[in-house]
């Protein structure tokens, strides 16, 4: 538990030390590009990953593009966002679903919104649609979005290597007409298995793989449910192959 506290203290110290420029940038979006606002998030991801002491193996970086896309990721651990951000290394907004308390946190919430993140209320479909529509708007402005498609940490919902992919967030790709880049992350479940913010953090190896762009929804008329099934199966295949290697 001391390791995770040490990691978070480093991240908090960085955020506090840069609080003035962070606030300045999210309060004046017309003066600073979204990339300038995002660089502080990137640094936080770097701090958490490096202080965690884990090794990160990244594959498939050649599949990344400068064009807007929707990144779809599995979710084996609470610590996943930091490792995905560390590996991705480009401005991306995220769909934050279910954690509505997070939307009320001073400084953090407006900061995240200023880099393209959207909050989605799972319990209120009408409000949830507003969040997705905001994400579609961001994509049409040229900004990529990221979703954790299981909607919950894997081991909370299944004993399988990956849980059922939810179709709601895939409307981002369907409605905006952009490719999906599937991302498969593994190993974080071994270094941080807690379902709380503060838990035991171990050293280990984390593997992040960027798969080839998924474009079936651009070539033929399919439902978001079919998209979810395709992407879930792609993820499962990668994870099962890793287990047999």
C-alpha atoms as a PDB file:
ATOM      1  CA  UNK A   1       0.000   0.000   0.000  1.00  0.00           C
ATOM      2  CA  UNK A   2       2.930   2.337   0.636  1.00  0.00           C
ATOM      3  CA  UNK A   3       3.930   2.155  -3.033  1.00  0.00           C
ATOM      4  CA  UNK A   4       0.557   3.422  -4.302  1.00  0.00           C
ATOM      5  CA  UNK A   5       0.602   6.227  -1.718  1.00  0.00           C
ATOM      6  CA  UNK A   6       4.092   7.199  -2.890  1.00  0.00           C
ATOM      7  CA  UNK A   7       2.933   7.167  -6.519  1.00  0.00           C
ATOM      8  CA  UNK A   8      -0.111   9.335  -5.802  1.00  0.00           C
ATOM      9  CA  UNK A   9       1.890  11.764  -3.664  1.00  0.00           C
ATOM     10  CA  UNK A  10       4.257  12.320  -6.581  1.00  0.00           C
ATOM     11  CA  UNK A  11       1.325  12.943  -8.924  1.00  0.00           C
ATOM     12  CA  UNK A  12      -0.426  15.268  -6.457  1.00  0.00           C
ATOM     13  CA  UNK A  13       2.768  17.229  -5.842  1.00  0.00           C
ATOM     14  CA  UNK A  14       3.207  17.706  -9.591  1.00  0.00           C
ATOM     15  CA  UNK A  15      -0.404  18.883 -10.007  1.00  0.00           C
ATOM     16  CA  UNK A  16      -0.157  21.306  -7.076  1.00  0.00           C
ATOM     17  CA  UNK A  17       3.169  22.676  -8.300  1.00  0.00           C
ATOM     18  CA  UNK A  18       1.620  23.359 -11.720  1.00  0.00           C
ATOM     19  CA  UNK A  19      -1.807  24.391 -10.444  1.00  0.00           C
ATOM     20  CA  UNK A  20      -1.576  27.986 -11.679  1.00  0.00           C
ATOM     21  CA  UNK A  21      -0.694  27.164 -15.314  1.00  0.00           C
ATOM     22  CA  UNK A  22      -3.230  24.317 -15.320  1.00  0.00           C
ATOM     23  CA  UNK A  23      -6.044  26.643 -14.187  1.00  0.00           C
ATOM     24  CA  UNK A  24      -4.873  29.353 -16.550  1.00  0.00           C
ATOM     25  CA  UNK A  25      -5.140  27.006 -19.507  1.00  0.00           C
ATOM     26  CA  UNK A  26      -8.533  25.477 -18.785  1.00  0.00           C
ATOM     27  CA  UNK A  27     -10.041  28.864 -17.891  1.00  0.00           C
ATOM     28  CA  UNK A  28      -8.779  30.406 -21.144  1.00  0.00           C
ATOM     29  CA  UNK A  29      -9.321  27.754 -23.828  1.00  0.00           C
ATOM     30  CA  UNK A  30      -9.334  30.406 -26.541  1.00  0.00           C
ATOM     31  CA  UNK A  31      -5.705  31.255 -25.723  1.00  0.00           C
ATOM     32  CA  UNK A  32      -4.320  27.729 -25.370  1.00  0.00           C
ATOM     33  CA  UNK A  33      -4.661  24.753 -27.682  1.00  0.00           C
ATOM     34  CA  UNK A  34      -6.158  21.513 -26.418  1.00  0.00           C
ATOM     35  CA  UNK A  35      -2.702  19.956 -26.813  1.00  0.00           C
ATOM     36  CA  UNK A  36      -1.256  22.586 -24.465  1.00  0.00           C
ATOM     37  CA  UNK A  37      -3.936  21.757 -21.906  1.00  0.00           C
ATOM     38  CA  UNK A  38      -3.404  18.024 -22.348  1.00  0.00           C
ATOM     39  CA  UNK A  39       0.364  18.005 -21.731  1.00  0.00           C
ATOM     40  CA  UNK A  40      -0.178  18.150 -17.952  1.00  0.00           C
ATOM     41  CA  UNK A  41      -2.348  15.013 -18.094  1.00  0.00           C
ATOM     42  CA  UNK A  42       0.368  13.310 -20.118  1.00  0.00           C
ATOM     43  CA  UNK A  43       2.941  14.204 -17.492  1.00  0.00           C
ATOM     44  CA  UNK A  44       0.724  12.821 -14.709  1.00  0.00           C
ATOM     45  CA  UNK A  45       0.408   9.516 -16.572  1.00  0.00           C
ATOM     46  CA  UNK A  46       4.186   9.405 -17.012  1.00  0.00           C
ATOM     47  CA  UNK A  47       4.757  10.049 -13.299  1.00  0.00           C
ATOM     48  CA  UNK A  48       2.345   7.328 -12.156  1.00  0.00           C
ATOM     49  CA  UNK A  49       3.763   4.719 -14.541  1.00  0.00           C
ATOM     50  CA  UNK A  50       7.415   5.471 -13.859  1.00  0.00           C
ATOM     51  CA  UNK A  51       6.943   5.621 -10.084  1.00  0.00           C
ATOM     52  CA  UNK A  52       5.009   2.340 -10.179  1.00  0.00           C
ATOM     53  CA  UNK A  53       8.245   0.554 -11.010  1.00  0.00           C
ATOM     54  CA  UNK A  54       6.606  -1.619 -13.663  1.00  0.00           C
ATOM     55  CA  UNK A  55       7.954  -2.354 -17.128  1.00  0.00           C
ATOM     56  CA  UNK A  56       5.719  -1.362 -20.045  1.00  0.00           C
ATOM     57  CA  UNK A  57       5.823  -3.173 -23.393  1.00  0.00           C
ATOM     58  CA  UNK A  58       4.035  -1.370 -26.230  1.00  0.00           C
ATOM     59  CA  UNK A  59       3.223  -3.045 -29.553  1.00  0.00           C
ATOM     60  CA  UNK A  60       1.417  -1.868 -32.680  1.00  0.00           C
ATOM     61  CA  UNK A  61       2.276   1.813 -32.470  1.00  0.00           C
ATOM     62  CA  UNK A  62       2.355   1.823 -36.279  1.00  0.00           C
ATOM     63  CA  UNK A  63      -1.447   1.447 -36.172  1.00  0.00           C
ATOM     64  CA  UNK A  64      -1.872   4.867 -34.590  1.00  0.00           C
ATOM     65  CA  UNK A  65      -2.910   7.789 -36.754  1.00  0.00           C
ATOM     66  CA  UNK A  66      -3.062  11.564 -36.544  1.00  0.00           C
ATOM     67  CA  UNK A  67      -6.688  11.470 -37.712  1.00  0.00           C
ATOM     68  CA  UNK A  68      -9.494  11.390 -35.104  1.00  0.00           C
ATOM     69  CA  UNK A  69     -10.508   7.882 -34.018  1.00  0.00           C
ATOM     70  CA  UNK A  70     -12.261   6.137 -31.156  1.00  0.00           C
ATOM     71  CA  UNK A  71      -9.947   4.074 -28.965  1.00  0.00           C
ATOM     72  CA  UNK A  72     -11.693   1.078 -27.406  1.00  0.00           C
ATOM     73  CA  UNK A  73      -9.905  -0.523 -24.449  1.00  0.00           C
ATOM     74  CA  UNK A  74     -10.486  -3.462 -22.114  1.00  0.00           C
ATOM     75  CA  UNK A  75     -10.348  -2.716 -18.379  1.00  0.00           C
ATOM     76  CA  UNK A  76      -8.471  -5.227 -16.168  1.00  0.00           C
ATOM     77  CA  UNK A  77      -7.500  -2.736 -13.428  1.00  0.00           C
ATOM     78  CA  UNK A  78      -8.309   0.643 -11.907  1.00  0.00           C
ATOM     79  CA  UNK A  79      -4.810   1.805 -12.819  1.00  0.00           C
ATOM     80  CA  UNK A  80      -5.355   1.235 -16.566  1.00  0.00           C
ATOM     81  CA  UNK A  81      -5.967   4.883 -17.587  1.00  0.00           C
ATOM     82  CA  UNK A  82      -2.460   5.938 -16.538  1.00  0.00           C
ATOM     83  CA  UNK A  83      -0.779   3.142 -18.493  1.00  0.00           C
ATOM     84  CA  UNK A  84      -2.928   3.680 -21.587  1.00  0.00           C
ATOM     85  CA  UNK A  85      -2.184   7.417 -21.483  1.00  0.00           C
ATOM     86  CA  UNK A  86       1.515   6.696 -21.037  1.00  0.00           C
ATOM     87  CA  UNK A  87       1.560   4.423 -24.104  1.00  0.00           C
ATOM     88  CA  UNK A  88      -0.752   6.493 -26.314  1.00  0.00           C
ATOM     89  CA  UNK A  89       1.142   9.774 -25.970  1.00  0.00           C
ATOM     90  CA  UNK A  90      -1.355  11.958 -27.828  1.00  0.00           C
ATOM     91  CA  UNK A  91      -4.245  14.212 -26.933  1.00  0.00           C
ATOM     92  CA  UNK A  92      -7.360  12.136 -26.327  1.00  0.00           C
ATOM     93  CA  UNK A  93     -10.608  12.769 -24.501  1.00  0.00           C
ATOM     94  CA  UNK A  94     -12.135   9.956 -22.453  1.00  0.00           C
ATOM     95  CA  UNK A  95     -15.708   8.946 -21.738  1.00  0.00           C
ATOM     96  CA  UNK A  96     -16.061   8.886 -17.948  1.00  0.00           C
ATOM     97  CA  UNK A  97     -19.167   6.858 -17.150  1.00  0.00           C
ATOM     98  CA  UNK A  98     -20.837   6.305 -13.814  1.00  0.00           C
ATOM     99  CA  UNK A  99     -18.493   8.417 -11.677  1.00  0.00           C
ATOM    100  CA  UNK A 100     -20.702  11.501 -11.538  1.00  0.00           C
ATOM    101  CA  UNK A 101     -19.124  12.640  -8.262  1.00  0.00           C
ATOM    102  CA  UNK A 102     -15.974  13.151 -10.324  1.00  0.00           C
ATOM    103  CA  UNK A 103     -17.783  15.775 -12.394  1.00  0.00           C
ATOM    104  CA  UNK A 104     -18.204  17.897  -9.256  1.00  0.00           C
ATOM    105  CA  UNK A 105     -14.544  17.873  -8.165  1.00  0.00           C
ATOM    106  CA  UNK A 106     -13.165  21.437  -8.328  1.00  0.00           C
ATOM    107  CA  UNK A 107     -10.254  22.025 -10.715  1.00  0.00           C
ATOM    108  CA  UNK A 108     -10.081  18.367 -11.797  1.00  0.00           C
ATOM    109  CA  UNK A 109     -13.499  18.240 -13.523  1.00  0.00           C
ATOM    110  CA  UNK A 110     -13.139  21.463 -15.543  1.00  0.00           C
ATOM    111  CA  UNK A 111      -9.554  20.516 -16.372  1.00  0.00           C
ATOM    112  CA  UNK A 112     -10.662  17.134 -17.746  1.00  0.00           C
ATOM    113  CA  UNK A 113     -13.536  18.697 -19.682  1.00  0.00           C
ATOM    114  CA  UNK A 114     -11.112  21.178 -21.239  1.00  0.00           C
ATOM    115  CA  UNK A 115      -9.086  18.320 -22.776  1.00  0.00           C
ATOM    116  CA  UNK A 116     -12.139  16.684 -24.347  1.00  0.00           C
ATOM    117  CA  UNK A 117     -13.370  14.315 -21.629  1.00  0.00           C
ATOM    118  CA  UNK A 118     -17.127  13.837 -21.303  1.00  0.00           C
ATOM    119  CA  UNK A 119     -19.157  12.564 -18.351  1.00  0.00           C
ATOM    120  CA  UNK A 120     -21.938  10.047 -18.938  1.00  0.00           C
ATOM    121  CA  UNK A 121     -24.728   9.255 -16.472  1.00  0.00           C
ATOM    122  CA  UNK A 122     -25.543   5.550 -16.794  1.00  0.00           C
ATOM    123  CA  UNK A 123     -28.651   5.868 -14.612  1.00  0.00           C
ATOM    124  CA  UNK A 124     -30.182   8.666 -16.667  1.00  0.00           C
ATOM    125  CA  UNK A 125     -30.393   7.681 -20.367  1.00  0.00           C
ATOM    126  CA  UNK A 126     -31.333  11.191 -21.482  1.00  0.00           C
ATOM    127  CA  UNK A 127     -28.316  12.733 -19.759  1.00  0.00           C
ATOM    128  CA  UNK A 128     -26.168   9.842 -20.972  1.00  0.00           C
ATOM    129  CA  UNK A 129     -27.069  10.620 -24.573  1.00  0.00           C
ATOM    130  CA  UNK A 130     -26.027  14.234 -24.010  1.00  0.00           C
ATOM    131  CA  UNK A 131     -22.590  13.044 -22.927  1.00  0.00           C
ATOM    132  CA  UNK A 132     -22.201  10.796 -25.975  1.00  0.00           C
ATOM    133  CA  UNK A 133     -23.349  13.616 -28.268  1.00  0.00           C
ATOM    134  CA  UNK A 134     -20.714  15.880 -26.736  1.00  0.00           C
ATOM    135  CA  UNK A 135     -18.120  13.207 -27.508  1.00  0.00           C
ATOM    136  CA  UNK A 136     -19.331  13.014 -31.121  1.00  0.00           C
ATOM    137  CA  UNK A 137     -19.019  16.791 -31.322  1.00  0.00           C
ATOM    138  CA  UNK A 138     -15.422  16.553 -30.076  1.00  0.00           C
ATOM    139  CA  UNK A 139     -14.574  13.962 -32.737  1.00  0.00           C
ATOM    140  CA  UNK A 140     -16.046  16.135 -35.491  1.00  0.00           C
ATOM    141  CA  UNK A 141     -13.749  18.910 -34.280  1.00  0.00           C
ATOM    142  CA  UNK A 142     -10.797  16.591 -34.892  1.00  0.00           C
ATOM    143  CA  UNK A 143     -10.223  15.148 -31.410  1.00  0.00           C
ATOM    144  CA  UNK A 144     -10.026  11.429 -30.651  1.00  0.00           C
ATOM    145  CA  UNK A 145     -12.052   9.824 -27.862  1.00  0.00           C
ATOM    146  CA  UNK A 146     -11.369   6.786 -25.678  1.00  0.00           C
ATOM    147  CA  UNK A 147     -13.751   4.379 -23.972  1.00  0.00           C
ATOM    148  CA  UNK A 148     -13.274   1.427 -21.618  1.00  0.00           C
ATOM    149  CA  UNK A 149     -15.845  -0.761 -23.333  1.00  0.00           C
ATOM    150  CA  UNK A 150     -16.521  -3.230 -20.509  1.00  0.00           C
ATOM    151  CA  UNK A 151     -17.914  -0.420 -18.384  1.00  0.00           C
ATOM    152  CA  UNK A 152     -16.391  -1.997 -15.269  1.00  0.00           C
ATOM    153  CA  UNK A 153     -13.175  -3.691 -14.193  1.00  0.00           C
ATOM    154  CA  UNK A 154     -12.976  -7.140 -15.790  1.00  0.00           C
ATOM    155  CA  UNK A 155     -12.678  -9.324 -12.685  1.00  0.00           C
ATOM    156  CA  UNK A 156     -15.670  -7.579 -11.091  1.00  0.00           C
ATOM    157  CA  UNK A 157     -18.029  -8.737 -13.843  1.00  0.00           C
ATOM    158  CA  UNK A 158     -16.565 -12.003 -15.148  1.00  0.00           C
ATOM    159  CA  UNK A 159     -14.050 -14.810 -14.670  1.00  0.00           C
ATOM    160  CA  UNK A 160     -13.256 -14.627 -18.387  1.00  0.00           C
ATOM    161  CA  UNK A 161     -10.210 -12.763 -19.747  1.00  0.00           C
ATOM    162  CA  UNK A 162     -12.532  -9.970 -20.882  1.00  0.00           C
ATOM    163  CA  UNK A 163     -16.067  -8.954 -19.972  1.00  0.00           C
ATOM    164  CA  UNK A 164     -18.956  -8.154 -22.343  1.00  0.00           C
ATOM    165  CA  UNK A 165     -18.306  -4.992 -24.332  1.00  0.00           C
ATOM    166  CA  UNK A 166     -21.047  -2.395 -23.957  1.00  0.00           C
ATOM    167  CA  UNK A 167     -22.395  -0.947 -27.190  1.00  0.00           C
ATOM    168  CA  UNK A 168     -23.439   2.539 -26.018  1.00  0.00           C
ATOM    169  CA  UNK A 169     -20.043   4.216 -26.294  1.00  0.00           C
ATOM    170  CA  UNK A 170     -19.534   2.822 -29.786  1.00  0.00           C
ATOM    171  CA  UNK A 171     -22.102   5.326 -31.039  1.00  0.00           C
ATOM    172  CA  UNK A 172     -19.145   7.709 -30.978  1.00  0.00           C
ATOM    173  CA  UNK A 173     -17.578   5.875 -33.923  1.00  0.00           C
ATOM    174  CA  UNK A 174     -20.850   4.982 -35.624  1.00  0.00           C
ATOM    175  CA  UNK A 175     -22.302   8.500 -35.666  1.00  0.00           C
ATOM    176  CA  UNK A 176     -19.070  10.367 -36.392  1.00  0.00           C
ATOM    177  CA  UNK A 177     -17.925   7.939 -39.089  1.00  0.00           C
ATOM    178  CA  UNK A 178     -14.387   7.359 -37.825  1.00  0.00           C
ATOM    179  CA  UNK A 179     -12.343   4.161 -37.386  1.00  0.00           C
ATOM    180  CA  UNK A 180     -11.947   2.359 -34.084  1.00  0.00           C
ATOM    181  CA  UNK A 181      -8.475   1.524 -32.783  1.00  0.00           C
ATOM    182  CA  UNK A 182      -8.806  -1.437 -30.392  1.00  0.00           C
ATOM    183  CA  UNK A 183      -6.330  -1.352 -27.511  1.00  0.00           C
ATOM    184  CA  UNK A 184      -5.591  -4.481 -25.491  1.00  0.00           C
ATOM    185  CA  UNK A 185      -3.958  -4.030 -22.095  1.00  0.00           C
ATOM    186  CA  UNK A 186      -2.785  -6.869 -19.868  1.00  0.00           C
ATOM    187  CA  UNK A 187      -0.712  -7.184 -16.718  1.00  0.00           C
ATOM    188  CA  UNK A 188      -2.269  -4.329 -14.779  1.00  0.00           C
ATOM    189  CA  UNK A 189      -4.563  -6.836 -13.056  1.00  0.00           C
ATOM    190  CA  UNK A 190      -1.430  -8.387 -11.549  1.00  0.00           C
ATOM    191  CA  UNK A 191       0.141  -5.163 -10.305  1.00  0.00           C
ATOM    192  CA  UNK A 192      -3.058  -3.547  -8.973  1.00  0.00           C
ATOM    193  CA  UNK A 193      -6.087  -5.752  -8.310  1.00  0.00           C
ATOM    194  CA  UNK A 194      -7.831  -3.536  -5.751  1.00  0.00           C
ATOM    195  CA  UNK A 195     -11.206  -1.980  -6.505  1.00  0.00           C
ATOM    196  CA  UNK A 196     -10.377   1.036  -4.350  1.00  0.00           C
ATOM    197  CA  UNK A 197      -8.250   4.118  -5.004  1.00  0.00           C
ATOM    198  CA  UNK A 198      -5.772   3.055  -2.309  1.00  0.00           C
ATOM    199  CA  UNK A 199      -4.622  -0.570  -2.464  1.00  0.00           C
ATOM    200  CA  UNK A 200      -1.552  -2.743  -2.848  1.00  0.00           C
ATOM    201  CA  UNK A 201       0.568  -1.865  -5.882  1.00  0.00           C
ATOM    202  CA  UNK A 202       3.133  -4.417  -7.068  1.00  0.00           C
ATOM    203  CA  UNK A 203       5.891  -4.213  -9.649  1.00  0.00           C
ATOM    204  CA  UNK A 204       5.326  -6.191 -12.820  1.00  0.00           C
ATOM    205  CA  UNK A 205       5.113  -6.110 -16.591  1.00  0.00           C
ATOM    206  CA  UNK A 206       2.284  -4.386 -18.423  1.00  0.00           C
ATOM    207  CA  UNK A 207       1.666  -5.046 -22.106  1.00  0.00           C
ATOM    208  CA  UNK A 208      -0.288  -2.655 -24.304  1.00  0.00           C
ATOM    209  CA  UNK A 209      -1.108  -3.554 -27.887  1.00  0.00           C
ATOM    210  CA  UNK A 210      -2.639  -1.223 -30.473  1.00  0.00           C
ATOM    211  CA  UNK A 211      -4.520  -3.363 -32.997  1.00  0.00           C
ATOM    212  CA  UNK A 212      -5.205  -2.559 -36.640  1.00  0.00           C
ATOM    213  CA  UNK A 213      -8.026  -0.059 -37.236  1.00  0.00           C
ATOM    214  CA  UNK A 214     -11.498  -1.586 -37.116  1.00  0.00           C
ATOM    215  CA  UNK A 215     -13.642  -0.201 -39.953  1.00  0.00           C
ATOM    216  CA  UNK A 216     -16.443  -2.705 -40.537  1.00  0.00           C
ATOM    217  CA  UNK A 217     -19.020  -0.091 -39.497  1.00  0.00           C
ATOM    218  CA  UNK A 218     -17.688   2.217 -42.226  1.00  0.00           C
ATOM    219  CA  UNK A 219     -17.963  -0.413 -44.963  1.00  0.00           C
ATOM    220  CA  UNK A 220     -21.361  -1.918 -44.170  1.00  0.00           C
ATOM    221  CA  UNK A 221     -24.455  -1.150 -42.126  1.00  0.00           C
ATOM    222  CA  UNK A 222     -24.110  -2.897 -38.769  1.00  0.00           C
ATOM    223  CA  UNK A 223     -25.389  -2.215 -35.276  1.00  0.00           C
ATOM    224  CA  UNK A 224     -23.298  -1.001 -32.366  1.00  0.00           C
ATOM    225  CA  UNK A 225     -24.069  -4.339 -30.704  1.00  0.00           C
ATOM    226  CA  UNK A 226     -22.370  -6.138 -33.589  1.00  0.00           C
ATOM    227  CA  UNK A 227     -19.445  -3.742 -33.311  1.00  0.00           C
ATOM    228  CA  UNK A 228     -19.162  -4.506 -29.600  1.00  0.00           C
ATOM    229  CA  UNK A 229     -19.153  -8.258 -30.263  1.00  0.00           C
ATOM    230  CA  UNK A 230     -16.453  -7.904 -32.933  1.00  0.00           C
ATOM    231  CA  UNK A 231     -14.198  -5.790 -30.728  1.00  0.00           C
ATOM    232  CA  UNK A 232     -14.713  -8.003 -27.682  1.00  0.00           C
ATOM    233  CA  UNK A 233     -13.754 -11.065 -29.747  1.00  0.00           C
ATOM    234  CA  UNK A 234     -10.631  -9.342 -31.093  1.00  0.00           C
ATOM    235  CA  UNK A 235      -9.586  -8.485 -27.545  1.00  0.00           C
ATOM    236  CA  UNK A 236     -10.297 -11.990 -26.251  1.00  0.00           C
ATOM    237  CA  UNK A 237      -8.235 -13.534 -29.058  1.00  0.00           C
ATOM    238  CA  UNK A 238      -5.206 -11.377 -28.223  1.00  0.00           C
ATOM    239  CA  UNK A 239      -5.452 -12.065 -24.479  1.00  0.00           C
ATOM    240  CA  UNK A 240      -5.854 -15.828 -24.940  1.00  0.00           C
ATOM    241  CA  UNK A 241      -2.891 -15.920 -27.330  1.00  0.00           C
ATOM    242  CA  UNK A 242      -0.778 -14.131 -24.734  1.00  0.00           C
ATOM    243  CA  UNK A 243      -1.719 -16.699 -22.101  1.00  0.00           C
ATOM    244  CA  UNK A 244      -0.587 -19.584 -24.325  1.00  0.00           C
ATOM    245  CA  UNK A 245       2.738 -17.975 -25.257  1.00  0.00           C
END
